């Protein structure tokens, strides 16, 4: 994803960055900023999930319910934050974030034990269409690509570059996720099943 993001920024026509996107209220510039911020959120989520995984399950359920109750203000902050971020910091910071956060996510995933990968917490499903009621930290790594691809398809930059190839273009040398079957592949819901599939975030 980081390499694809770099290509998007390098090939995006300047006069198209202020154009509206397909299906969002953001411009292309604002949506690109939001896509990079998604990686940043994922990196913040991993230590948060580590803490909650050590508590009773009811603790994260209460936390998720509280966040769900605040979905309306969250939607406004989510929108306005990307508008302000794109205006104040621009895409130069977004490029650095995407590169740095993707490297750190990949590094953590490579070092993580199976126990760390399967640990998780309840999350507010109202906040993102790809959130499920309970997610592991491995699920969050997979979510980063879903979030990126979802918003990439909404860009209206008309660049010649095609989107990332997806899980089947991943690094075949990466180990399988805990509980996955040999050979990896995708589930019936289209989610990468193994750590080698999740390695597609490099693209």
N, C-alpha and C. Protein backbone atom coordinates (compact mmCIF):
# COMPACT_ATOMS: atom_id res chain seq x y z
N UNK A 1 0.82 -1.20 0.00
CA UNK A 1 0.00 0.00 0.00
C UNK A 1 0.85 1.25 0.00
N UNK A 2 1.94 1.25 0.75
CA UNK A 2 2.77 2.45 0.82
C UNK A 2 3.33 2.79 -0.55
N UNK A 3 3.78 1.77 -1.30
CA UNK A 3 4.31 2.03 -2.63
C UNK A 3 3.21 2.53 -3.56
N UNK A 4 2.04 1.95 -3.44
CA UNK A 4 0.92 2.39 -4.28
C UNK A 4 0.54 3.83 -3.94
N UNK A 5 0.56 4.17 -2.67
CA UNK A 5 0.23 5.53 -2.25
C UNK A 5 1.24 6.52 -2.82
N UNK A 6 2.52 6.16 -2.77
CA UNK A 6 3.55 7.01 -3.35
C UNK A 6 3.28 7.24 -4.84
N UNK A 7 2.89 6.17 -5.53
CA UNK A 7 2.61 6.29 -6.96
C UNK A 7 1.41 7.19 -7.22
N UNK A 8 0.38 7.04 -6.38
CA UNK A 8 -0.79 7.89 -6.53
C UNK A 8 -0.41 9.37 -6.41
N UNK A 9 0.38 9.70 -5.39
CA UNK A 9 0.76 11.09 -5.18
C UNK A 9 1.65 11.60 -6.31
N UNK A 10 2.50 10.72 -6.83
CA UNK A 10 3.43 11.14 -7.88
C UNK A 10 2.74 11.35 -9.21
N UNK A 11 1.65 10.61 -9.45
CA UNK A 11 0.99 10.67 -10.76
C UNK A 11 -0.31 11.45 -10.76
N UNK A 12 -0.78 11.86 -9.59
CA UNK A 12 -2.06 12.57 -9.52
C UNK A 12 -1.96 13.94 -10.19
N UNK A 13 -2.83 14.22 -11.16
CA UNK A 13 -2.83 15.56 -11.78
C UNK A 13 -3.19 16.60 -10.72
N UNK A 14 -2.39 17.63 -10.61
CA UNK A 14 -2.61 18.65 -9.60
C UNK A 14 -4.00 19.25 -9.68
N UNK A 15 -4.50 19.42 -10.89
CA UNK A 15 -5.81 20.06 -11.04
C UNK A 15 -6.97 19.13 -10.67
N UNK A 16 -6.66 17.85 -10.38
CA UNK A 16 -7.72 16.93 -9.98
C UNK A 16 -7.78 16.73 -8.47
N UNK A 17 -6.79 17.21 -7.75
CA UNK A 17 -6.77 16.99 -6.30
C UNK A 17 -7.93 17.68 -5.60
N UNK A 18 -8.39 18.78 -6.13
CA UNK A 18 -9.51 19.48 -5.52
C UNK A 18 -10.87 19.04 -6.01
N UNK A 19 -10.89 18.04 -6.90
CA UNK A 19 -12.16 17.55 -7.45
C UNK A 19 -12.88 16.66 -6.44
N UNK A 20 -14.23 16.57 -6.52
CA UNK A 20 -14.96 15.69 -5.60
C UNK A 20 -14.67 14.22 -5.88
N UNK A 21 -14.80 13.40 -4.85
CA UNK A 21 -14.60 11.96 -4.99
C UNK A 21 -15.93 11.27 -5.26
N UNK A 22 -15.87 9.99 -5.49
CA UNK A 22 -17.06 9.21 -5.81
C UNK A 22 -17.65 8.61 -4.53
N UNK A 23 -18.73 9.18 -4.03
CA UNK A 23 -19.42 8.60 -2.89
C UNK A 23 -19.04 9.17 -1.55
N UNK A 24 -18.19 10.21 -1.50
CA UNK A 24 -17.85 10.85 -0.23
C UNK A 24 -17.98 12.37 -0.40
N UNK A 25 -17.94 13.07 0.72
CA UNK A 25 -17.97 14.54 0.68
C UNK A 25 -16.58 15.13 0.56
N UNK A 26 -15.55 14.28 0.59
CA UNK A 26 -14.19 14.75 0.51
C UNK A 26 -13.76 15.02 -0.93
N UNK A 27 -12.78 15.88 -1.08
CA UNK A 27 -12.09 16.02 -2.35
C UNK A 27 -11.04 14.92 -2.45
N UNK A 28 -10.43 14.79 -3.61
CA UNK A 28 -9.37 13.79 -3.75
C UNK A 28 -8.23 14.04 -2.77
N UNK A 29 -7.85 15.29 -2.59
CA UNK A 29 -6.77 15.62 -1.64
C UNK A 29 -7.14 15.20 -0.23
N UNK A 30 -8.35 15.51 0.19
CA UNK A 30 -8.79 15.18 1.54
C UNK A 30 -8.90 13.66 1.72
N UNK A 31 -9.36 12.97 0.71
CA UNK A 31 -9.49 11.51 0.83
C UNK A 31 -8.12 10.84 0.87
N UNK A 32 -7.17 11.33 0.11
CA UNK A 32 -5.82 10.79 0.18
C UNK A 32 -5.25 10.96 1.59
N UNK A 33 -5.49 12.12 2.18
CA UNK A 33 -5.03 12.35 3.55
C UNK A 33 -5.69 11.36 4.50
N UNK A 34 -6.99 11.13 4.32
CA UNK A 34 -7.73 10.20 5.17
C UNK A 34 -7.19 8.77 5.02
N UNK A 35 -6.83 8.37 3.81
CA UNK A 35 -6.29 7.04 3.57
C UNK A 35 -5.00 6.83 4.35
N UNK A 36 -4.14 7.85 4.37
CA UNK A 36 -2.91 7.74 5.14
C UNK A 36 -3.19 7.73 6.64
N UNK A 37 -4.18 8.51 7.06
CA UNK A 37 -4.52 8.56 8.47
C UNK A 37 -5.04 7.21 8.97
N UNK A 38 -5.67 6.43 8.07
CA UNK A 38 -6.12 5.10 8.44
C UNK A 38 -4.98 4.22 8.92
N UNK A 39 -3.83 4.31 8.26
CA UNK A 39 -2.65 3.57 8.71
C UNK A 39 -2.21 4.03 10.09
N UNK A 40 -2.29 5.33 10.31
CA UNK A 40 -1.90 5.89 11.60
C UNK A 40 -2.82 5.37 12.71
N UNK A 41 -4.11 5.32 12.43
CA UNK A 41 -5.08 4.81 13.41
C UNK A 41 -4.78 3.35 13.74
N UNK A 42 -4.47 2.56 12.73
CA UNK A 42 -4.18 1.14 12.96
C UNK A 42 -2.98 0.98 13.88
N UNK A 43 -1.96 1.81 13.69
CA UNK A 43 -0.77 1.70 14.54
C UNK A 43 -1.09 2.07 15.98
N UNK A 44 -2.01 3.01 16.17
CA UNK A 44 -2.41 3.38 17.53
C UNK A 44 -3.28 2.30 18.16
N UNK A 45 -4.07 1.62 17.33
CA UNK A 45 -4.98 0.60 17.85
C UNK A 45 -4.25 -0.60 18.45
N UNK A 46 -3.11 -0.96 17.88
CA UNK A 46 -2.43 -2.19 18.32
C UNK A 46 -2.08 -2.16 19.81
N UNK A 47 -1.43 -1.13 20.33
CA UNK A 47 -1.16 -1.12 21.78
C UNK A 47 -2.42 -0.98 22.62
N UNK A 48 -3.44 -0.26 22.09
CA UNK A 48 -4.70 -0.14 22.82
C UNK A 48 -5.34 -1.52 22.98
N UNK A 49 -5.32 -2.31 21.91
CA UNK A 49 -5.90 -3.64 21.95
C UNK A 49 -5.11 -4.55 22.88
N UNK A 50 -3.82 -4.34 22.94
CA UNK A 50 -3.00 -5.13 23.86
C UNK A 50 -3.44 -4.90 25.29
N UNK A 51 -3.68 -3.65 25.65
CA UNK A 51 -4.11 -3.35 27.00
C UNK A 51 -5.46 -3.95 27.34
N UNK A 52 -6.44 -3.78 26.44
CA UNK A 52 -7.77 -4.30 26.69
C UNK A 52 -7.80 -5.83 26.70
N UNK A 53 -6.91 -6.46 25.95
CA UNK A 53 -6.91 -7.93 25.91
C UNK A 53 -6.52 -8.53 27.26
N UNK A 54 -5.90 -7.74 28.12
CA UNK A 54 -5.50 -8.21 29.45
C UNK A 54 -6.61 -8.02 30.48
N UNK A 55 -7.68 -7.33 30.08
CA UNK A 55 -8.81 -7.07 30.97
C UNK A 55 -9.95 -8.03 30.68
N UNK A 56 -10.94 -8.13 31.57
CA UNK A 56 -12.12 -8.93 31.27
C UNK A 56 -12.78 -8.46 29.98
N UNK A 57 -13.39 -9.38 29.24
CA UNK A 57 -14.01 -9.05 27.95
C UNK A 57 -15.07 -7.96 28.09
N UNK A 58 -15.71 -7.91 29.25
CA UNK A 58 -16.76 -6.91 29.46
C UNK A 58 -16.21 -5.49 29.41
N UNK A 59 -14.93 -5.31 29.72
CA UNK A 59 -14.33 -3.97 29.72
C UNK A 59 -14.31 -3.38 28.31
N UNK A 60 -13.86 -4.17 27.34
CA UNK A 60 -13.83 -3.64 25.97
C UNK A 60 -15.23 -3.54 25.38
N UNK A 61 -16.15 -4.42 25.82
CA UNK A 61 -17.53 -4.30 25.32
C UNK A 61 -18.15 -2.98 25.78
N UNK A 62 -17.93 -2.63 27.04
CA UNK A 62 -18.45 -1.35 27.54
C UNK A 62 -17.80 -0.18 26.79
N UNK A 63 -16.51 -0.29 26.56
CA UNK A 63 -15.80 0.77 25.85
C UNK A 63 -16.34 0.91 24.42
N UNK A 64 -16.53 -0.22 23.74
CA UNK A 64 -17.06 -0.18 22.37
C UNK A 64 -18.47 0.39 22.34
N UNK A 65 -19.30 0.03 23.32
CA UNK A 65 -20.67 0.55 23.37
C UNK A 65 -20.67 2.06 23.59
N UNK A 66 -19.75 2.53 24.41
CA UNK A 66 -19.64 3.97 24.64
C UNK A 66 -19.26 4.70 23.36
N UNK A 67 -18.31 4.13 22.62
CA UNK A 67 -17.90 4.75 21.36
C UNK A 67 -19.02 4.70 20.33
N UNK A 68 -19.76 3.60 20.30
CA UNK A 68 -20.88 3.49 19.37
C UNK A 68 -21.94 4.55 19.63
N UNK A 69 -22.16 4.85 20.91
CA UNK A 69 -23.14 5.87 21.27
C UNK A 69 -22.72 7.25 20.78
N UNK A 70 -21.42 7.41 20.53
CA UNK A 70 -20.90 8.70 20.06
C UNK A 70 -20.65 8.69 18.55
N UNK A 71 -21.36 7.83 17.83
CA UNK A 71 -21.10 7.69 16.39
C UNK A 71 -21.38 8.98 15.61
N UNK A 72 -22.43 9.70 15.99
CA UNK A 72 -22.76 10.91 15.22
C UNK A 72 -21.66 11.96 15.34
N UNK A 73 -21.21 12.33 16.55
CA UNK A 73 -20.09 13.27 16.60
C UNK A 73 -18.81 12.71 16.00
N UNK A 74 -18.61 11.38 16.11
CA UNK A 74 -17.43 10.79 15.49
C UNK A 74 -17.46 10.99 13.98
N UNK A 75 -18.62 10.80 13.35
CA UNK A 75 -18.72 10.97 11.90
C UNK A 75 -18.31 12.39 11.50
N UNK A 76 -18.73 13.37 12.29
CA UNK A 76 -18.38 14.75 11.97
C UNK A 76 -16.88 14.98 12.14
N UNK A 77 -16.32 14.47 13.25
CA UNK A 77 -14.89 14.63 13.49
C UNK A 77 -14.08 13.91 12.42
N UNK A 78 -14.53 12.73 12.02
CA UNK A 78 -13.85 11.96 10.99
C UNK A 78 -13.79 12.74 9.68
N UNK A 79 -14.91 13.37 9.33
CA UNK A 79 -14.96 14.16 8.10
C UNK A 79 -14.12 15.43 8.23
N UNK A 80 -14.40 16.20 9.29
CA UNK A 80 -13.73 17.50 9.45
C UNK A 80 -12.24 17.35 9.68
N UNK A 81 -11.84 16.26 10.36
CA UNK A 81 -10.42 16.05 10.62
C UNK A 81 -9.62 15.91 9.34
N UNK A 82 -10.17 15.18 8.37
CA UNK A 82 -9.45 15.01 7.10
C UNK A 82 -9.47 16.29 6.28
N UNK A 83 -10.55 17.06 6.37
CA UNK A 83 -10.60 18.35 5.68
C UNK A 83 -9.53 19.27 6.23
N UNK A 84 -9.48 19.36 7.57
CA UNK A 84 -8.49 20.24 8.21
C UNK A 84 -7.07 19.72 8.01
N UNK A 85 -6.90 18.40 8.14
CA UNK A 85 -5.57 17.83 8.00
C UNK A 85 -4.98 18.07 6.62
N UNK A 86 -5.79 17.88 5.59
CA UNK A 86 -5.32 18.10 4.23
C UNK A 86 -4.98 19.57 4.00
N UNK A 87 -5.74 20.44 4.64
CA UNK A 87 -5.50 21.87 4.45
C UNK A 87 -4.28 22.35 5.22
N UNK A 88 -4.13 21.87 6.45
CA UNK A 88 -3.07 22.39 7.32
C UNK A 88 -1.72 21.72 7.06
N UNK A 89 -1.71 20.39 6.97
CA UNK A 89 -0.44 19.67 6.83
C UNK A 89 -0.14 19.26 5.40
N UNK A 90 -1.18 19.14 4.57
CA UNK A 90 -0.97 18.77 3.18
C UNK A 90 -0.61 17.31 2.99
N UNK A 91 -0.33 16.94 1.76
CA UNK A 91 -0.06 15.54 1.44
C UNK A 91 1.38 15.14 1.71
N UNK A 92 2.25 16.11 1.96
CA UNK A 92 3.63 15.75 2.28
C UNK A 92 3.70 14.97 3.58
N UNK A 93 2.95 15.43 4.59
CA UNK A 93 2.91 14.70 5.86
C UNK A 93 2.21 13.37 5.68
N UNK A 94 1.15 13.35 4.86
CA UNK A 94 0.44 12.10 4.62
C UNK A 94 1.36 11.06 4.00
N UNK A 95 2.24 11.49 3.10
CA UNK A 95 3.19 10.56 2.49
C UNK A 95 4.13 9.99 3.54
N UNK A 96 4.65 10.84 4.43
CA UNK A 96 5.55 10.35 5.48
C UNK A 96 4.82 9.41 6.42
N UNK A 97 3.60 9.76 6.80
CA UNK A 97 2.81 8.89 7.67
C UNK A 97 2.62 7.52 7.05
N UNK A 98 2.21 7.51 5.79
CA UNK A 98 1.93 6.23 5.14
C UNK A 98 3.18 5.36 5.11
N UNK A 99 4.31 5.95 4.76
CA UNK A 99 5.54 5.16 4.68
C UNK A 99 5.96 4.66 6.06
N UNK A 100 5.98 5.58 7.04
CA UNK A 100 6.45 5.23 8.38
C UNK A 100 5.51 4.24 9.06
N UNK A 101 4.21 4.51 9.01
CA UNK A 101 3.27 3.65 9.73
C UNK A 101 3.16 2.28 9.10
N UNK A 102 3.23 2.20 7.77
CA UNK A 102 3.20 0.90 7.12
C UNK A 102 4.42 0.08 7.50
N UNK A 103 5.59 0.72 7.52
CA UNK A 103 6.81 0.01 7.93
C UNK A 103 6.70 -0.50 9.36
N UNK A 104 6.15 0.31 10.25
CA UNK A 104 6.03 -0.10 11.65
C UNK A 104 5.00 -1.21 11.82
N UNK A 105 3.91 -1.14 11.07
CA UNK A 105 2.91 -2.20 11.14
C UNK A 105 3.48 -3.52 10.63
N UNK A 106 4.20 -3.45 9.52
CA UNK A 106 4.82 -4.66 8.98
C UNK A 106 5.87 -5.22 9.94
N UNK A 107 6.64 -4.32 10.53
CA UNK A 107 7.66 -4.77 11.48
C UNK A 107 7.04 -5.44 12.69
N UNK A 108 5.96 -4.84 13.22
CA UNK A 108 5.31 -5.46 14.36
C UNK A 108 4.72 -6.81 13.98
N UNK A 109 4.07 -6.89 12.81
CA UNK A 109 3.47 -8.15 12.39
C UNK A 109 4.50 -9.25 12.21
N UNK A 110 5.70 -8.89 11.75
CA UNK A 110 6.75 -9.89 11.56
C UNK A 110 7.29 -10.40 12.89
N UNK A 111 7.30 -9.54 13.91
CA UNK A 111 7.85 -9.93 15.22
C UNK A 111 6.81 -10.55 16.14
N UNK A 112 5.54 -10.31 15.88
CA UNK A 112 4.48 -10.70 16.81
C UNK A 112 4.39 -12.21 16.96
N UNK A 113 4.10 -12.64 18.17
CA UNK A 113 3.83 -14.06 18.42
C UNK A 113 2.38 -14.37 18.05
N UNK A 114 2.05 -15.64 17.98
CA UNK A 114 0.67 -16.03 17.68
C UNK A 114 -0.27 -15.48 18.75
N UNK A 115 0.18 -15.53 20.00
CA UNK A 115 -0.67 -15.03 21.09
C UNK A 115 -0.95 -13.54 20.93
N UNK A 116 0.04 -12.79 20.49
CA UNK A 116 -0.16 -11.36 20.28
C UNK A 116 -1.10 -11.10 19.11
N UNK A 117 -0.97 -11.89 18.06
CA UNK A 117 -1.81 -11.70 16.88
C UNK A 117 -3.28 -11.98 17.16
N UNK A 118 -3.58 -12.97 17.99
CA UNK A 118 -4.98 -13.34 18.21
C UNK A 118 -5.60 -12.54 19.35
N UNK A 119 -4.80 -11.79 20.10
CA UNK A 119 -5.38 -10.96 21.16
C UNK A 119 -6.14 -9.80 20.54
N UNK A 120 -7.21 -9.37 21.22
CA UNK A 120 -8.00 -8.29 20.64
C UNK A 120 -9.02 -7.74 21.62
N UNK A 121 -10.06 -7.14 21.07
CA UNK A 121 -11.06 -6.48 21.89
C UNK A 121 -12.32 -6.22 21.08
N UNK A 122 -13.39 -5.84 21.76
CA UNK A 122 -14.61 -5.40 21.08
C UNK A 122 -14.36 -4.01 20.49
N UNK A 123 -14.97 -3.75 19.33
CA UNK A 123 -14.80 -2.46 18.67
C UNK A 123 -16.16 -1.93 18.25
N UNK A 124 -16.29 -0.61 18.05
CA UNK A 124 -17.58 -0.03 17.64
C UNK A 124 -17.84 -0.26 16.15
N UNK A 125 -18.74 -1.16 15.83
CA UNK A 125 -18.99 -1.50 14.43
C UNK A 125 -19.62 -0.34 13.65
N UNK A 126 -20.20 0.64 14.36
CA UNK A 126 -20.78 1.79 13.67
C UNK A 126 -19.71 2.71 13.07
N UNK A 127 -18.49 2.56 13.49
CA UNK A 127 -17.44 3.49 13.09
C UNK A 127 -16.82 3.17 11.75
N UNK A 128 -16.94 1.94 11.29
CA UNK A 128 -16.32 1.56 10.01
C UNK A 128 -17.05 0.34 9.46
N UNK A 129 -17.33 0.31 8.15
CA UNK A 129 -18.06 -0.82 7.59
C UNK A 129 -17.31 -2.15 7.66
N UNK A 130 -15.99 -2.09 7.89
CA UNK A 130 -15.21 -3.33 7.96
C UNK A 130 -14.87 -3.73 9.39
N UNK A 131 -15.35 -3.00 10.35
CA UNK A 131 -15.19 -3.41 11.75
C UNK A 131 -16.20 -4.51 12.06
N UNK A 132 -15.79 -5.48 12.85
CA UNK A 132 -16.68 -6.52 13.35
C UNK A 132 -16.78 -6.36 14.87
N UNK A 133 -17.78 -6.97 15.52
CA UNK A 133 -17.97 -6.74 16.95
C UNK A 133 -16.73 -7.02 17.80
N UNK A 134 -15.94 -7.98 17.39
CA UNK A 134 -14.69 -8.29 18.09
C UNK A 134 -13.60 -8.45 17.03
N UNK A 135 -12.46 -7.83 17.27
CA UNK A 135 -11.36 -7.93 16.31
C UNK A 135 -10.06 -8.23 17.02
N UNK A 136 -9.26 -9.09 16.41
CA UNK A 136 -7.92 -9.36 16.91
C UNK A 136 -6.96 -8.34 16.31
N UNK A 137 -5.75 -8.35 16.80
CA UNK A 137 -4.76 -7.43 16.24
C UNK A 137 -4.38 -7.84 14.81
N UNK A 138 -4.47 -9.13 14.53
CA UNK A 138 -4.28 -9.56 13.15
C UNK A 138 -5.40 -9.02 12.26
N UNK A 139 -6.62 -9.01 12.78
CA UNK A 139 -7.74 -8.45 12.02
C UNK A 139 -7.50 -6.98 11.68
N UNK A 140 -6.87 -6.26 12.59
CA UNK A 140 -6.59 -4.85 12.33
C UNK A 140 -5.58 -4.71 11.19
N UNK A 141 -4.59 -5.58 11.15
CA UNK A 141 -3.64 -5.55 10.04
C UNK A 141 -4.36 -5.79 8.71
N UNK A 142 -5.30 -6.72 8.71
CA UNK A 142 -6.07 -6.99 7.51
C UNK A 142 -6.98 -5.81 7.17
N UNK A 143 -7.53 -5.18 8.20
CA UNK A 143 -8.42 -4.04 8.00
C UNK A 143 -7.73 -2.90 7.27
N UNK A 144 -6.44 -2.70 7.51
CA UNK A 144 -5.76 -1.57 6.86
C UNK A 144 -5.88 -1.64 5.35
N UNK A 145 -5.78 -2.82 4.79
CA UNK A 145 -5.88 -2.95 3.33
C UNK A 145 -7.32 -2.77 2.86
N UNK A 146 -8.28 -3.28 3.63
CA UNK A 146 -9.68 -3.08 3.27
C UNK A 146 -10.03 -1.59 3.24
N UNK A 147 -9.58 -0.90 4.28
CA UNK A 147 -9.84 0.54 4.37
C UNK A 147 -9.19 1.28 3.21
N UNK A 148 -7.95 0.94 2.91
CA UNK A 148 -7.22 1.60 1.84
C UNK A 148 -7.88 1.34 0.49
N UNK A 149 -8.17 0.09 0.19
CA UNK A 149 -8.76 -0.26 -1.11
C UNK A 149 -10.14 0.35 -1.29
N UNK A 150 -10.93 0.36 -0.21
CA UNK A 150 -12.27 0.93 -0.26
C UNK A 150 -12.21 2.39 -0.70
N UNK A 151 -11.33 3.15 -0.07
CA UNK A 151 -11.25 4.57 -0.39
C UNK A 151 -10.49 4.83 -1.69
N UNK A 152 -9.56 3.97 -2.03
CA UNK A 152 -8.85 4.15 -3.30
C UNK A 152 -9.82 4.10 -4.46
N UNK A 153 -10.81 3.21 -4.35
CA UNK A 153 -11.79 3.08 -5.43
C UNK A 153 -12.67 4.32 -5.55
N UNK A 154 -12.69 5.15 -4.53
CA UNK A 154 -13.52 6.36 -4.57
C UNK A 154 -12.78 7.57 -5.12
N UNK A 155 -11.49 7.46 -5.33
CA UNK A 155 -10.73 8.56 -5.91
C UNK A 155 -11.13 8.79 -7.36
N UNK A 156 -11.07 10.02 -7.80
CA UNK A 156 -11.43 10.35 -9.19
C UNK A 156 -10.25 11.05 -9.86
N UNK A 157 -9.07 10.49 -9.66
CA UNK A 157 -7.85 11.10 -10.19
C UNK A 157 -7.59 10.73 -11.64
N UNK A 158 -8.19 9.62 -12.08
CA UNK A 158 -7.99 9.16 -13.46
C UNK A 158 -6.52 8.92 -13.79
N UNK A 159 -5.79 8.35 -12.83
CA UNK A 159 -4.40 8.01 -13.10
C UNK A 159 -4.35 6.72 -13.89
N UNK A 160 -3.23 6.50 -14.56
CA UNK A 160 -3.09 5.30 -15.39
C UNK A 160 -2.76 4.08 -14.56
N UNK A 161 -2.30 4.30 -13.34
CA UNK A 161 -1.90 3.17 -12.50
C UNK A 161 -3.11 2.40 -12.02
N UNK A 162 -2.99 1.07 -11.98
CA UNK A 162 -4.05 0.22 -11.45
C UNK A 162 -3.86 0.05 -9.95
N UNK A 163 -4.92 -0.33 -9.22
CA UNK A 163 -4.81 -0.51 -7.78
C UNK A 163 -3.96 -1.72 -7.43
N UNK A 164 -3.61 -1.87 -6.14
CA UNK A 164 -2.81 -3.03 -5.72
C UNK A 164 -3.48 -4.33 -6.11
N UNK A 165 -2.65 -5.36 -6.37
CA UNK A 165 -3.18 -6.62 -6.85
C UNK A 165 -3.91 -7.41 -5.79
N UNK A 166 -3.69 -7.10 -4.51
CA UNK A 166 -4.42 -7.78 -3.44
C UNK A 166 -3.63 -8.92 -2.85
N UNK A 167 -4.30 -9.75 -2.03
CA UNK A 167 -3.63 -10.78 -1.25
C UNK A 167 -2.80 -11.75 -2.06
N UNK A 168 -3.21 -12.05 -3.28
CA UNK A 168 -2.48 -13.09 -4.01
C UNK A 168 -1.13 -12.60 -4.52
N UNK A 169 -0.88 -11.32 -4.41
CA UNK A 169 0.42 -10.81 -4.79
C UNK A 169 1.35 -10.67 -3.61
N UNK A 170 0.99 -11.26 -2.49
CA UNK A 170 1.75 -11.05 -1.26
C UNK A 170 3.02 -11.87 -1.24
N UNK A 171 3.84 -11.58 -0.28
CA UNK A 171 5.10 -12.28 -0.09
C UNK A 171 4.85 -13.69 0.39
N UNK A 172 5.14 -14.66 -0.45
CA UNK A 172 4.82 -16.05 -0.13
C UNK A 172 5.71 -16.62 0.97
N UNK A 173 6.76 -15.91 1.34
CA UNK A 173 7.65 -16.46 2.36
C UNK A 173 7.19 -16.13 3.77
N UNK A 174 6.18 -15.26 3.92
CA UNK A 174 5.72 -14.89 5.26
C UNK A 174 4.99 -16.05 5.89
N UNK A 175 5.09 -16.23 7.21
CA UNK A 175 4.43 -17.35 7.89
C UNK A 175 2.92 -17.20 7.94
N UNK A 176 2.22 -18.30 8.14
CA UNK A 176 0.77 -18.29 8.23
C UNK A 176 0.32 -17.68 9.55
N UNK A 177 -0.89 -17.19 9.55
CA UNK A 177 -1.48 -16.66 10.77
C UNK A 177 -1.88 -17.80 11.69
N UNK A 178 -2.01 -17.53 12.99
CA UNK A 178 -2.45 -18.58 13.92
C UNK A 178 -3.83 -19.08 13.55
N UNK A 179 -3.96 -20.40 13.48
CA UNK A 179 -5.26 -20.98 13.19
C UNK A 179 -5.60 -21.05 11.72
N UNK A 180 -4.70 -20.59 10.83
CA UNK A 180 -5.02 -20.63 9.41
C UNK A 180 -4.61 -21.97 8.83
N UNK A 181 -5.23 -22.31 7.70
CA UNK A 181 -4.88 -23.56 7.04
C UNK A 181 -3.70 -23.32 6.13
N UNK A 182 -2.98 -24.38 5.82
CA UNK A 182 -1.83 -24.25 4.95
C UNK A 182 -2.27 -23.72 3.59
N UNK A 183 -1.44 -22.87 3.04
CA UNK A 183 -1.74 -22.36 1.71
C UNK A 183 -2.43 -21.03 1.72
N UNK A 184 -2.91 -20.58 2.87
CA UNK A 184 -3.48 -19.23 2.96
C UNK A 184 -4.75 -19.10 2.14
N UNK A 185 -4.77 -18.09 1.25
CA UNK A 185 -5.95 -17.83 0.45
C UNK A 185 -6.85 -16.82 1.12
N UNK A 186 -8.10 -16.77 0.67
CA UNK A 186 -9.04 -15.83 1.24
C UNK A 186 -10.25 -16.58 1.77
N UNK A 187 -10.93 -16.00 2.74
CA UNK A 187 -12.14 -16.59 3.28
C UNK A 187 -13.29 -16.32 2.35
N UNK A 188 -14.47 -16.87 2.66
CA UNK A 188 -15.63 -16.65 1.80
C UNK A 188 -16.09 -15.20 1.86
N UNK A 189 -15.63 -14.46 2.86
CA UNK A 189 -15.96 -13.04 2.94
C UNK A 189 -14.93 -12.19 2.22
N UNK A 190 -13.90 -12.80 1.65
CA UNK A 190 -12.90 -12.05 0.93
C UNK A 190 -11.78 -11.51 1.78
N UNK A 191 -11.74 -11.87 3.06
CA UNK A 191 -10.68 -11.37 3.95
C UNK A 191 -9.47 -12.28 3.87
N UNK A 192 -8.26 -11.74 3.78
CA UNK A 192 -7.06 -12.57 3.79
C UNK A 192 -7.04 -13.48 5.01
N UNK A 193 -6.67 -14.74 4.79
CA UNK A 193 -6.72 -15.73 5.86
C UNK A 193 -5.40 -15.83 6.61
N UNK A 194 -4.30 -15.45 6.01
CA UNK A 194 -3.02 -15.71 6.64
C UNK A 194 -2.14 -14.48 6.68
N UNK A 195 -1.02 -14.58 7.42
CA UNK A 195 -0.08 -13.47 7.51
C UNK A 195 0.58 -13.22 6.17
N UNK A 196 0.74 -14.25 5.35
CA UNK A 196 1.35 -13.99 4.05
C UNK A 196 0.38 -13.21 3.17
N UNK A 197 -0.94 -13.42 3.35
CA UNK A 197 -1.91 -12.61 2.62
C UNK A 197 -1.91 -11.19 3.13
N UNK A 198 -1.81 -11.02 4.43
CA UNK A 198 -1.81 -9.67 5.00
C UNK A 198 -0.58 -8.89 4.57
N UNK A 199 0.47 -9.57 4.15
CA UNK A 199 1.68 -8.87 3.71
C UNK A 199 1.43 -8.05 2.47
N UNK A 200 0.25 -8.16 1.87
CA UNK A 200 -0.07 -7.34 0.71
C UNK A 200 -0.13 -5.87 1.04
N UNK A 201 -0.13 -5.52 2.31
CA UNK A 201 -0.09 -4.10 2.66
C UNK A 201 1.19 -3.45 2.17
N UNK A 202 2.17 -4.24 1.78
CA UNK A 202 3.39 -3.65 1.26
C UNK A 202 3.16 -3.04 -0.11
N UNK A 203 2.08 -3.44 -0.75
CA UNK A 203 1.88 -3.03 -2.14
C UNK A 203 1.12 -1.73 -2.24
